Amino acid sequence: MTDASLAHAPQRLRALQSSYMAQVQRRRLYGGLTLMIFVVLMVAGFNVADGRNAGGFWDGLHQIGDYPADVLSEAWEKRADLPALIVRYVPALIETVNIAAVSTLIGALGGLVLSLLGTRGLARWPRLIPLFRRLSDVLRAVPEIVIALVLIFVLGGGPVPAMIAIAFHTAGALGKMFSEVAENADLKPVEGLASTGANWSQRMLLGVLPQVAPNYVSYALLRFEINIRASAILGFVGAGGIGYELRNAMAWGPGRFDEAAAIFILLFGTIVFFDQVSSRLRDRLTEGQ
C-alpha cells in the first residue's frame, strides 16, 4: 500500500504542477486581455476628447508652458509687490478655510448619522439600511460643482452655496467611510447597555462612539484637507473665497499675473500647512500617542 502510494507520488506532483502552470497562464492571459482593453479604451477616449477639444491637444501641446512662463516672468518683475498682495488676499483665504471648516463639520455630523443608521447591527431601523446607504451613495456621487451651480442659480453667488454643496458631498463620503469603521466595532458594550434599558441614542453614544471616535476624527481631518481644495475650486464658479479672486486675476490676463502668482503662493502654502497639521493629528489619533 505504501509502495503504491510512493509510486503514484511523482505522477500527482506532475499533475499538480501542470494544473498550477495552467492557472498561471490563464491569469496571464486574462491580465493581458484586461490591459489591452484598458489601452484601447484610453486611446479611444483620448481621440474623442481630442476631437472635441478646441484646436486639438497636439496642436497646442507646444504652448503648454507659455502661460506659466508669463505668470512667473511678471511676478518676478513685480516681486517687490508680492508680500503686500499676499496680505491683501488673506481675508479671501480665511473665507475659503471657513467654508471648508463649516462644511466639514456639517458633513461629518451628517455622515455620522448616515453611518450609524446604515450599519448592520447598529441601525435603529434595520429595514431602512439600504435606503440610508443609497442616500449616502447619491450624496457622494454628485460632484460638488454640480450642486454649487444649482444652488448659485437659486441662492446667488457667495460662500453659502459652496458650503452647502461641499457639506452634501462630505456627508456622503464620510457616511461611507464611517460605516465601514462602525461595522468593525465591538457589539458587546452595545449589548450590555441594551440589557440595562438604554435607548438607541445612548447605546450609540456610550457603546459605539468611544470605539470609533479616533478613526472618525481622522477621516474628518482628511476630508477637511480635501474640502479646502474643493472650496478654492468652487470659487471659479462664483462661490466666493480665494478661488473667486484667482479666477478674476487669471481672467484679466497680463497686468494682473502678479496677483495670480500671489494667490497661488498663498493657496499652496495654506494647503501644505493644513496637510502637515492634519497628517500629524491623524497619526496621533490612529497610533494612540
C-alpha atoms as a PDB file:
ATOM      1  CA  MET A   1       0.000   0.000   0.000  1.00  0.00           C
ATOM      2  CA  THR A   2       2.774   2.363   0.976  1.00  0.00           C
ATOM      3  CA  ASP A   3       4.903   1.426  -2.045  1.00  0.00           C
ATOM      4  CA  ALA A   4       1.943   2.043  -4.365  1.00  0.00           C
ATOM      5  CA  SER A   5       1.360   5.470  -2.867  1.00  0.00           C
ATOM      6  CA  LEU A   6       5.033   6.368  -3.301  1.00  0.00           C
ATOM      7  CA  ALA A   7       4.946   5.160  -6.878  1.00  0.00           C
ATOM      8  CA  HIS A   8       1.989   7.443  -7.712  1.00  0.00           C
ATOM      9  CA  ALA A   9       3.530  10.459  -5.904  1.00  0.00           C
ATOM     10  CA  PRO A  10       5.580  11.706  -8.906  1.00  0.00           C
ATOM     11  CA  GLN A  11       2.505  11.498 -11.139  1.00  0.00           C
ATOM     12  CA  ARG A  12       0.429  13.501  -8.667  1.00  0.00           C
ATOM     13  CA  LEU A  13       3.215  16.047  -8.369  1.00  0.00           C
ATOM     14  CA  ARG A  14       3.420  16.456 -12.143  1.00  0.00           C
ATOM     15  CA  ALA A  15      -0.364  16.756 -12.385  1.00  0.00           C
ATOM     16  CA  LEU A  16      -0.363  19.396  -9.638  1.00  0.00           C
ATOM     17  CA  GLN A  17       2.453  21.274 -11.338  1.00  0.00           C
ATOM     18  CA  SER A  18       0.737  21.212 -14.728  1.00  0.00           C
ATOM     19  CA  SER A  19      -2.521  22.407 -13.145  1.00  0.00           C
ATOM     20  CA  TYR A  20      -0.681  25.247 -11.428  1.00  0.00           C
ATOM     21  CA  MET A  21       1.058  26.297 -14.664  1.00  0.00           C
ATOM     22  CA  ALA A  22      -2.269  26.213 -16.488  1.00  0.00           C
ATOM     23  CA  GLN A  23      -3.768  28.547 -13.895  1.00  0.00           C
ATOM     24  CA  VAL A  24      -0.769  30.880 -14.164  1.00  0.00           C
ATOM     25  CA  GLN A  25      -1.083  31.019 -17.943  1.00  0.00           C
ATOM     26  CA  ARG A  26      -4.817  31.632 -17.658  1.00  0.00           C
ATOM     27  CA  ARG A  27      -4.241  34.526 -15.262  1.00  0.00           C
ATOM     28  CA  ARG A  28      -1.592  35.986 -17.550  1.00  0.00           C
ATOM     29  CA  LEU A  29      -3.996  35.728 -20.465  1.00  0.00           C
ATOM     30  CA  TYR A  30      -6.771  37.449 -18.517  1.00  0.00           C
ATOM     31  CA  GLY A  31      -4.345  40.101 -17.319  1.00  0.00           C
ATOM     32  CA  GLY A  32      -3.094  40.733 -20.860  1.00  0.00           C
ATOM     33  CA  LEU A  33      -6.642  40.985 -22.205  1.00  0.00           C
ATOM     34  CA  THR A  34      -7.609  43.391 -19.431  1.00  0.00           C
ATOM     35  CA  LEU A  35      -4.575  45.557 -20.121  1.00  0.00           C
ATOM     36  CA  MET A  36      -5.304  45.539 -23.851  1.00  0.00           C
ATOM     37  CA  ILE A  37      -8.931  46.553 -23.270  1.00  0.00           C
ATOM     38  CA  PHE A  38      -7.789  49.323 -20.938  1.00  0.00           C
ATOM     39  CA  VAL A  39      -5.315  50.665 -23.529  1.00  0.00           C
ATOM     40  CA  VAL A  40      -7.946  50.544 -26.284  1.00  0.00           C
ATOM     41  CA  LEU A  41     -10.431  52.436 -24.115  1.00  0.00           C
ATOM     42  CA  MET A  42      -7.803  55.013 -23.158  1.00  0.00           C
ATOM     43  CA  VAL A  43      -6.819  55.619 -26.789  1.00  0.00           C
ATOM     44  CA  ALA A  44     -10.448  55.793 -27.928  1.00  0.00           C
ATOM     45  CA  GLY A  45     -11.363  58.153 -25.095  1.00  0.00           C
ATOM     46  CA  PHE A  46      -8.386  60.376 -25.848  1.00  0.00           C
ATOM     47  CA  ASN A  47      -9.269  60.543 -29.549  1.00  0.00           C
ATOM     48  CA  VAL A  48     -12.858  61.502 -28.730  1.00  0.00           C
ATOM     49  CA  ALA A  49     -11.730  64.159 -26.248  1.00  0.00           C
ATOM     50  CA  ASP A  50      -9.101  65.491 -28.671  1.00  0.00           C
ATOM     51  CA  GLY A  51     -11.685  65.696 -31.443  1.00  0.00           C
ATOM     52  CA  ARG A  52     -13.980  67.792 -29.258  1.00  0.00           C
ATOM     53  CA  ASN A  53     -11.163  69.953 -27.904  1.00  0.00           C
ATOM     54  CA  ALA A  54     -10.893  73.403 -29.491  1.00  0.00           C
ATOM     55  CA  GLY A  55      -7.718  73.432 -31.561  1.00  0.00           C
ATOM     56  CA  GLY A  56      -6.663  69.888 -30.722  1.00  0.00           C
ATOM     57  CA  PHE A  57      -4.374  68.644 -27.993  1.00  0.00           C
ATOM     58  CA  TRP A  58      -1.287  68.037 -30.131  1.00  0.00           C
ATOM     59  CA  ASP A  59      -1.558  71.419 -31.846  1.00  0.00           C
ATOM     60  CA  GLY A  60      -1.448  73.253 -28.547  1.00  0.00           C
ATOM     61  CA  LEU A  61       0.955  70.983 -26.698  1.00  0.00           C
ATOM     62  CA  HIS A  62       3.976  73.134 -27.528  1.00  0.00           C
ATOM     63  CA  GLN A  63       2.262  76.121 -25.887  1.00  0.00           C
ATOM     64  CA  ILE A  64       1.644  74.396 -22.568  1.00  0.00           C
ATOM     65  CA  GLY A  65       4.390  76.334 -20.806  1.00  0.00           C
ATOM     66  CA  ASP A  66       3.556  79.770 -22.215  1.00  0.00           C
ATOM     67  CA  TYR A  67       1.002  80.769 -19.589  1.00  0.00           C
ATOM     68  CA  PRO A  68       3.062  79.681 -16.541  1.00  0.00           C
ATOM     69  CA  ALA A  69       6.081  81.426 -18.063  1.00  0.00           C
ATOM     70  CA  ASP A  70       4.118  84.669 -18.451  1.00  0.00           C
ATOM     71  CA  VAL A  71       2.858  84.454 -14.865  1.00  0.00           C
ATOM     72  CA  LEU A  72       6.319  83.754 -13.455  1.00  0.00           C
ATOM     73  CA  SER A  73       8.014  86.453 -15.504  1.00  0.00           C
ATOM     74  CA  GLU A  74       5.525  89.136 -14.487  1.00  0.00           C
ATOM     75  CA  ALA A  75       5.596  88.000 -10.857  1.00  0.00           C
ATOM     76  CA  TRP A  76       9.393  88.195 -10.891  1.00  0.00           C
ATOM     77  CA  GLU A  77       9.318  91.685 -12.357  1.00  0.00           C
ATOM     78  CA  LYS A  78       6.926  92.815  -9.618  1.00  0.00           C
ATOM     79  CA  ARG A  79       8.372  90.628  -6.871  1.00  0.00           C
ATOM     80  CA  ALA A  80       8.620  93.599  -4.521  1.00  0.00           C
ATOM     81  CA  ASP A  81       4.800  93.825  -4.503  1.00  0.00           C
ATOM     82  CA  LEU A  82       4.191  90.140  -3.721  1.00  0.00           C
ATOM     83  CA  PRO A  83       4.230  90.423   0.120  1.00  0.00           C
ATOM     84  CA  ALA A  84       1.626  93.200   0.020  1.00  0.00           C
ATOM     85  CA  LEU A  85      -0.513  91.214  -2.416  1.00  0.00           C
ATOM     86  CA  ILE A  86      -0.314  88.113  -0.235  1.00  0.00           C
ATOM     87  CA  VAL A  87      -1.510  90.136   2.768  1.00  0.00           C
ATOM     88  CA  ARG A  88      -4.261  91.630   0.610  1.00  0.00           C
ATOM     89  CA  TYR A  89      -5.741  88.230  -0.192  1.00  0.00           C
ATOM     90  CA  VAL A  90      -5.544  86.783   3.325  1.00  0.00           C
ATOM     91  CA  PRO A  91      -9.228  87.657   4.054  1.00  0.00           C
ATOM     92  CA  ALA A  92     -10.303  85.713   0.942  1.00  0.00           C
ATOM     93  CA  LEU A  93      -8.178  82.791   2.097  1.00  0.00           C
ATOM     94  CA  ILE A  94      -9.790  82.916   5.547  1.00  0.00           C
ATOM     95  CA  GLU A  95     -13.189  82.802   3.846  1.00  0.00           C
ATOM     96  CA  THR A  96     -12.119  79.712   1.901  1.00  0.00           C
ATOM     97  CA  VAL A  97     -10.854  77.977   5.040  1.00  0.00           C
ATOM     98  CA  ASN A  98     -14.071  78.885   6.864  1.00  0.00           C
ATOM     99  CA  ILE A  99     -16.136  77.383   4.037  1.00  0.00           C
ATOM    100  CA  ALA A 100     -14.109  74.179   4.263  1.00  0.00           C
ATOM    101  CA  ALA A 101     -14.277  74.030   8.076  1.00  0.00           C
ATOM    102  CA  VAL A 102     -18.029  74.630   8.358  1.00  0.00           C
ATOM    103  CA  SER A 103     -18.866  72.274   5.503  1.00  0.00           C
ATOM    104  CA  THR A 104     -16.622  69.588   7.011  1.00  0.00           C
ATOM    105  CA  LEU A 105     -18.298  69.943  10.403  1.00  0.00           C
ATOM    106  CA  ILE A 106     -21.815  69.786   8.952  1.00  0.00           C
ATOM    107  CA  GLY A 107     -20.867  66.961   6.580  1.00  0.00           C
ATOM    108  CA  ALA A 108     -19.202  64.977   9.371  1.00  0.00           C
ATOM    109  CA  LEU A 109     -22.344  65.210  11.503  1.00  0.00           C
ATOM    110  CA  GLY A 110     -24.447  64.102   8.545  1.00  0.00           C
ATOM    111  CA  GLY A 111     -22.024  61.287   7.789  1.00  0.00           C
ATOM    112  CA  LEU A 112     -22.144  60.188  11.426  1.00  0.00           C
ATOM    113  CA  VAL A 113     -25.925  59.875  11.318  1.00  0.00           C
ATOM    114  CA  LEU A 114     -25.890  58.105   7.956  1.00  0.00           C
ATOM    115  CA  SER A 115     -23.213  55.668   9.102  1.00  0.00           C
ATOM    116  CA  LEU A 116     -24.998  54.650  12.293  1.00  0.00           C
ATOM    117  CA  LEU A 117     -28.346  54.301  10.531  1.00  0.00           C
ATOM    118  CA  GLY A 118     -26.823  52.343   7.652  1.00  0.00           C
ATOM    119  CA  THR A 119     -24.610  49.867   9.551  1.00  0.00           C
ATOM    120  CA  ARG A 120     -25.743  46.307  10.170  1.00  0.00           C
ATOM    121  CA  GLY A 121     -26.094  45.513  13.856  1.00  0.00           C
ATOM    122  CA  LEU A 122     -26.263  49.177  14.842  1.00  0.00           C
ATOM    123  CA  ALA A 123     -29.089  50.640  12.763  1.00  0.00           C
ATOM    124  CA  ARG A 124     -32.174  51.770  14.593  1.00  0.00           C
ATOM    125  CA  TRP A 125     -34.390  50.657  11.702  1.00  0.00           C
ATOM    126  CA  PRO A 126     -32.694  47.627  10.092  1.00  0.00           C
ATOM    127  CA  ARG A 127     -35.155  47.503   7.195  1.00  0.00           C
ATOM    128  CA  LEU A 128     -34.142  51.023   6.171  1.00  0.00           C
ATOM    129  CA  ILE A 129     -30.420  50.249   5.954  1.00  0.00           C
ATOM    130  CA  PRO A 130     -30.478  50.061   2.107  1.00  0.00           C
ATOM    131  CA  LEU A 131     -32.276  53.420   1.988  1.00  0.00           C
ATOM    132  CA  PHE A 132     -29.638  55.211   4.075  1.00  0.00           C
ATOM    133  CA  ARG A 133     -26.815  53.544   2.149  1.00  0.00           C
ATOM    134  CA  ARG A 134     -28.257  54.602  -1.193  1.00  0.00           C
ATOM    135  CA  LEU A 135     -28.728  58.119   0.160  1.00  0.00           C
ATOM    136  CA  SER A 136     -25.059  58.165   1.088  1.00  0.00           C
ATOM    137  CA  ASP A 137     -24.173  56.904  -2.399  1.00  0.00           C
ATOM    138  CA  VAL A 138     -26.232  59.632  -4.065  1.00  0.00           C
ATOM    139  CA  LEU A 139     -24.682  62.406  -1.958  1.00  0.00           C
ATOM    140  CA  ARG A 140     -21.225  61.065  -2.718  1.00  0.00           C
ATOM    141  CA  ALA A 141     -21.840  60.546  -6.426  1.00  0.00           C
ATOM    142  CA  VAL A 142     -22.959  64.087  -7.292  1.00  0.00           C
ATOM    143  CA  PRO A 143     -19.904  66.387  -7.701  1.00  0.00           C
ATOM    144  CA  GLU A 144     -19.694  69.465  -5.516  1.00  0.00           C
ATOM    145  CA  ILE A 145     -19.515  71.771  -8.509  1.00  0.00           C
ATOM    146  CA  VAL A 146     -22.844  70.493  -9.863  1.00  0.00           C
ATOM    147  CA  ILE A 147     -24.592  71.115  -6.538  1.00  0.00           C
ATOM    148  CA  ALA A 148     -22.908  74.511  -6.241  1.00  0.00           C
ATOM    149  CA  LEU A 149     -24.032  75.592  -9.729  1.00  0.00           C
ATOM    150  CA  VAL A 150     -27.642  74.680  -8.939  1.00  0.00           C
ATOM    151  CA  LEU A 151     -27.514  76.489  -5.588  1.00  0.00           C
ATOM    152  CA  ILE A 152     -25.860  79.558  -7.123  1.00  0.00           C
ATOM    153  CA  PHE A 153     -28.730  79.711  -9.618  1.00  0.00           C
ATOM    154  CA  VAL A 154     -31.213  79.566  -6.722  1.00  0.00           C
ATOM    155  CA  LEU A 155     -29.413  81.476  -3.951  1.00  0.00           C
ATOM    156  CA  GLY A 156     -26.993  83.638  -5.915  1.00  0.00           C
ATOM    157  CA  GLY A 157     -23.221  83.748  -5.721  1.00  0.00           C
ATOM    158  CA  GLY A 158     -21.358  83.642  -2.427  1.00  0.00           C
ATOM    159  CA  PRO A 159     -19.922  81.263   0.143  1.00  0.00           C
ATOM    160  CA  VAL A 160     -23.255  79.753   1.250  1.00  0.00           C
ATOM    161  CA  PRO A 161     -23.830  77.668  -1.922  1.00  0.00           C
ATOM    162  CA  ALA A 162     -20.257  76.405  -1.748  1.00  0.00           C
ATOM    163  CA  MET A 163     -20.647  75.463   1.908  1.00  0.00           C
ATOM    164  CA  ILE A 164     -23.892  73.566   1.299  1.00  0.00           C
ATOM    165  CA  ALA A 165     -22.516  71.793  -1.794  1.00  0.00           C
ATOM    166  CA  ILE A 166     -19.344  70.646  -0.041  1.00  0.00           C
ATOM    167  CA  ALA A 167     -21.311  69.621   3.070  1.00  0.00           C
ATOM    168  CA  PHE A 168     -23.613  67.384   0.988  1.00  0.00           C
ATOM    169  CA  HIS A 169     -20.722  65.664  -0.738  1.00  0.00           C
ATOM    170  CA  THR A 170     -18.804  65.346   2.540  1.00  0.00           C
ATOM    171  CA  ALA A 171     -21.785  63.731   4.268  1.00  0.00           C
ATOM    172  CA  GLY A 172     -21.975  61.073   1.561  1.00  0.00           C
ATOM    173  CA  ALA A 173     -18.231  60.396   1.513  1.00  0.00           C
ATOM    174  CA  LEU A 174     -17.803  60.283   5.284  1.00  0.00           C
ATOM    175  CA  GLY A 175     -21.019  58.290   5.687  1.00  0.00           C
ATOM    176  CA  LYS A 176     -19.449  55.529   3.611  1.00  0.00           C
ATOM    177  CA  MET A 177     -16.103  55.582   5.454  1.00  0.00           C
ATOM    178  CA  PHE A 178     -17.705  55.927   8.887  1.00  0.00           C
ATOM    179  CA  SER A 179     -19.985  52.967   8.160  1.00  0.00           C
ATOM    180  CA  GLU A 180     -17.011  50.746   7.307  1.00  0.00           C
ATOM    181  CA  VAL A 181     -15.379  51.678  10.614  1.00  0.00           C
ATOM    182  CA  ALA A 182     -18.591  51.144  12.593  1.00  0.00           C
ATOM    183  CA  GLU A 183     -19.028  47.653  11.133  1.00  0.00           C
ATOM    184  CA  ASN A 184     -15.835  46.595  12.945  1.00  0.00           C
ATOM    185  CA  ALA A 185     -16.972  47.947  16.321  1.00  0.00           C
ATOM    186  CA  ASP A 186     -17.348  45.516  19.216  1.00  0.00           C
ATOM    187  CA  LEU A 187     -21.044  44.933  19.925  1.00  0.00           C
ATOM    188  CA  LYS A 188     -20.578  43.699  23.489  1.00  0.00           C
ATOM    189  CA  PRO A 189     -20.767  47.203  25.034  1.00  0.00           C
ATOM    190  CA  VAL A 190     -23.894  47.864  22.976  1.00  0.00           C
ATOM    191  CA  GLU A 191     -25.493  44.632  24.192  1.00  0.00           C
ATOM    192  CA  GLY A 192     -24.534  45.451  27.765  1.00  0.00           C
ATOM    193  CA  LEU A 193     -26.124  48.890  27.558  1.00  0.00           C
ATOM    194  CA  ALA A 194     -29.241  47.384  25.960  1.00  0.00           C
ATOM    195  CA  SER A 195     -29.589  44.981  28.884  1.00  0.00           C
ATOM    196  CA  THR A 196     -29.697  47.947  31.271  1.00  0.00           C
ATOM    197  CA  GLY A 197     -32.521  49.597  29.335  1.00  0.00           C
ATOM    198  CA  ALA A 198     -30.501  52.179  27.400  1.00  0.00           C
ATOM    199  CA  ASN A 199     -32.182  53.564  24.294  1.00  0.00           C
ATOM    200  CA  TRP A 200     -30.633  53.597  20.815  1.00  0.00           C
ATOM    201  CA  SER A 201     -29.049  57.024  21.158  1.00  0.00           C
ATOM    202  CA  GLN A 202     -27.452  56.105  24.478  1.00  0.00           C
ATOM    203  CA  ARG A 203     -26.119  52.829  23.050  1.00  0.00           C
ATOM    204  CA  MET A 204     -24.525  54.652  20.124  1.00  0.00           C
ATOM    205  CA  LEU A 205     -23.143  57.485  22.269  1.00  0.00           C
ATOM    206  CA  LEU A 206     -21.708  55.324  25.039  1.00  0.00           C
ATOM    207  CA  GLY A 207     -21.107  51.980  23.360  1.00  0.00           C
ATOM    208  CA  VAL A 208     -20.026  52.739  19.784  1.00  0.00           C
ATOM    209  CA  LEU A 209     -18.649  56.272  19.508  1.00  0.00           C
ATOM    210  CA  PRO A 210     -15.846  55.793  22.081  1.00  0.00           C
ATOM    211  CA  GLN A 211     -14.543  52.905  19.944  1.00  0.00           C
ATOM    212  CA  VAL A 212     -14.725  54.627  16.566  1.00  0.00           C
ATOM    213  CA  ALA A 213     -14.042  58.251  17.550  1.00  0.00           C
ATOM    214  CA  PRO A 214     -10.299  58.234  16.672  1.00  0.00           C
ATOM    215  CA  ASN A 215     -10.939  56.884  13.180  1.00  0.00           C
ATOM    216  CA  TYR A 216     -13.921  59.183  12.694  1.00  0.00           C
ATOM    217  CA  VAL A 217     -11.866  62.259  13.593  1.00  0.00           C
ATOM    218  CA  SER A 218      -9.015  61.040  11.406  1.00  0.00           C
ATOM    219  CA  TYR A 219     -11.287  60.687   8.378  1.00  0.00           C
ATOM    220  CA  ALA A 220     -12.885  64.072   9.102  1.00  0.00           C
ATOM    221  CA  LEU A 221      -9.460  65.731   9.155  1.00  0.00           C
ATOM    222  CA  LEU A 222      -8.562  64.056   5.888  1.00  0.00           C
ATOM    223  CA  ARG A 223     -11.800  65.325   4.399  1.00  0.00           C
ATOM    224  CA  PHE A 224     -11.020  68.823   5.687  1.00  0.00           C
ATOM    225  CA  GLU A 225      -7.853  68.829   3.556  1.00  0.00           C
ATOM    226  CA  ILE A 226      -9.890  67.849   0.506  1.00  0.00           C
ATOM    227  CA  ASN A 227     -12.553  70.459   1.232  1.00  0.00           C
ATOM    228  CA  ILE A 228     -10.011  73.282   1.315  1.00  0.00           C
ATOM    229  CA  ARG A 229      -9.083  72.463  -2.269  1.00  0.00           C
ATOM    230  CA  ALA A 230     -12.739  71.966  -3.213  1.00  0.00           C
ATOM    231  CA  SER A 231     -13.767  75.340  -1.767  1.00  0.00           C
ATOM    232  CA  ALA A 232     -10.969  77.037  -3.713  1.00  0.00           C
ATOM    233  CA  ILE A 233     -12.106  75.338  -6.940  1.00  0.00           C
ATOM    234  CA  LEU A 234     -15.741  76.307  -6.380  1.00  0.00           C
ATOM    235  CA  GLY A 235     -14.650  79.934  -6.262  1.00  0.00           C
ATOM    236  CA  PHE A 236     -14.180  79.712 -10.032  1.00  0.00           C
ATOM    237  CA  VAL A 237     -17.961  79.366 -10.468  1.00  0.00           C
ATOM    238  CA  GLY A 238     -18.752  82.348  -8.252  1.00  0.00           C
ATOM    239  CA  ALA A 239     -18.885  80.648  -4.854  1.00  0.00           C
ATOM    240  CA  GLY A 240     -16.608  83.188  -3.189  1.00  0.00           C
ATOM    241  CA  GLY A 241     -13.327  82.750  -1.367  1.00  0.00           C
ATOM    242  CA  ILE A 242      -9.835  82.872  -2.771  1.00  0.00           C
ATOM    243  CA  GLY A 243     -10.845  80.853  -5.832  1.00  0.00           C
ATOM    244  CA  TYR A 244     -13.053  83.734  -6.967  1.00  0.00           C
ATOM    245  CA  GLU A 245     -10.149  86.152  -6.649  1.00  0.00           C
ATOM    246  CA  LEU A 246      -7.884  83.772  -8.541  1.00  0.00           C
ATOM    247  CA  ARG A 247     -10.383  83.484 -11.374  1.00  0.00           C
ATOM    248  CA  ASN A 248     -10.606  87.260 -11.687  1.00  0.00           C
ATOM    249  CA  ALA A 249      -6.821  87.646 -11.685  1.00  0.00           C
ATOM    250  CA  MET A 250      -6.374  84.918 -14.311  1.00  0.00           C
ATOM    251  CA  ALA A 251      -9.225  86.183 -16.486  1.00  0.00           C
ATOM    252  CA  TRP A 252      -7.790  89.702 -16.558  1.00  0.00           C
ATOM    253  CA  GLY A 253      -4.619  88.415 -18.179  1.00  0.00           C
ATOM    254  CA  PRO A 254      -1.313  90.328 -18.400  1.00  0.00           C
ATOM    255  CA  GLY A 255      -1.098  93.135 -15.891  1.00  0.00           C
ATOM    256  CA  ARG A 256      -2.559  91.099 -13.017  1.00  0.00           C
ATOM    257  CA  PHE A 257      -0.438  87.973 -13.295  1.00  0.00           C
ATOM    258  CA  ASP A 258       1.442  89.116 -10.178  1.00  0.00           C
ATOM    259  CA  GLU A 259      -1.838  88.886  -8.253  1.00  0.00           C
ATOM    260  CA  ALA A 260      -2.423  85.394  -9.624  1.00  0.00           C
ATOM    261  CA  ALA A 261       1.085  84.401  -8.516  1.00  0.00           C
ATOM    262  CA  ALA A 262       0.490  85.809  -5.028  1.00  0.00           C
ATOM    263  CA  ILE A 263      -2.770  83.852  -4.729  1.00  0.00           C
ATOM    264  CA  PHE A 264      -1.051  80.670  -5.949  1.00  0.00           C
ATOM    265  CA  ILE A 265       1.682  81.089  -3.325  1.00  0.00           C
ATOM    266  CA  LEU A 266      -0.842  81.778  -0.561  1.00  0.00           C
ATOM    267  CA  LEU A 267      -3.094  78.886  -1.519  1.00  0.00           C
ATOM    268  CA  PHE A 268      -0.231  76.435  -1.955  1.00  0.00           C
ATOM    269  CA  GLY A 269       1.290  77.363   1.403  1.00  0.00           C
ATOM    270  CA  THR A 270      -2.074  77.027   3.152  1.00  0.00           C
ATOM    271  CA  ILE A 271      -2.795  73.614   1.669  1.00  0.00           C
ATOM    272  CA  VAL A 272       0.667  72.334   2.594  1.00  0.00           C
ATOM    273  CA  PHE A 273       0.300  73.718   6.125  1.00  0.00           C
ATOM    274  CA  PHE A 274      -3.070  72.105   6.775  1.00  0.00           C
ATOM    275  CA  ASP A 275      -1.910  68.863   5.146  1.00  0.00           C
ATOM    276  CA  GLN A 276       1.012  68.636   7.560  1.00  0.00           C
ATOM    277  CA  VAL A 277      -1.015  69.602  10.634  1.00  0.00           C
ATOM    278  CA  SER A 278      -3.888  67.212   9.885  1.00  0.00           C
ATOM    279  CA  SER A 279      -1.463  64.392   8.995  1.00  0.00           C
ATOM    280  CA  ARG A 280       0.255  64.699  12.363  1.00  0.00           C
ATOM    281  CA  LEU A 281      -3.062  64.829  14.191  1.00  0.00           C
ATOM    282  CA  ARG A 282      -4.303  61.771  12.303  1.00  0.00           C
ATOM    283  CA  ASP A 283      -1.111  59.891  13.097  1.00  0.00           C
ATOM    284  CA  ARG A 284      -1.507  60.668  16.785  1.00  0.00           C
ATOM    285  CA  LEU A 285      -5.140  59.583  16.751  1.00  0.00           C
ATOM    286  CA  THR A 286      -4.615  56.327  14.865  1.00  0.00           C
ATOM    287  CA  GLU A 287      -1.456  55.371  16.757  1.00  0.00           C
ATOM    288  CA  GLY A 288      -2.940  56.338  20.115  1.00  0.00           C
ATOM    289  CA  GLN A 289       0.015  58.526  21.096  1.00  0.00           C
END
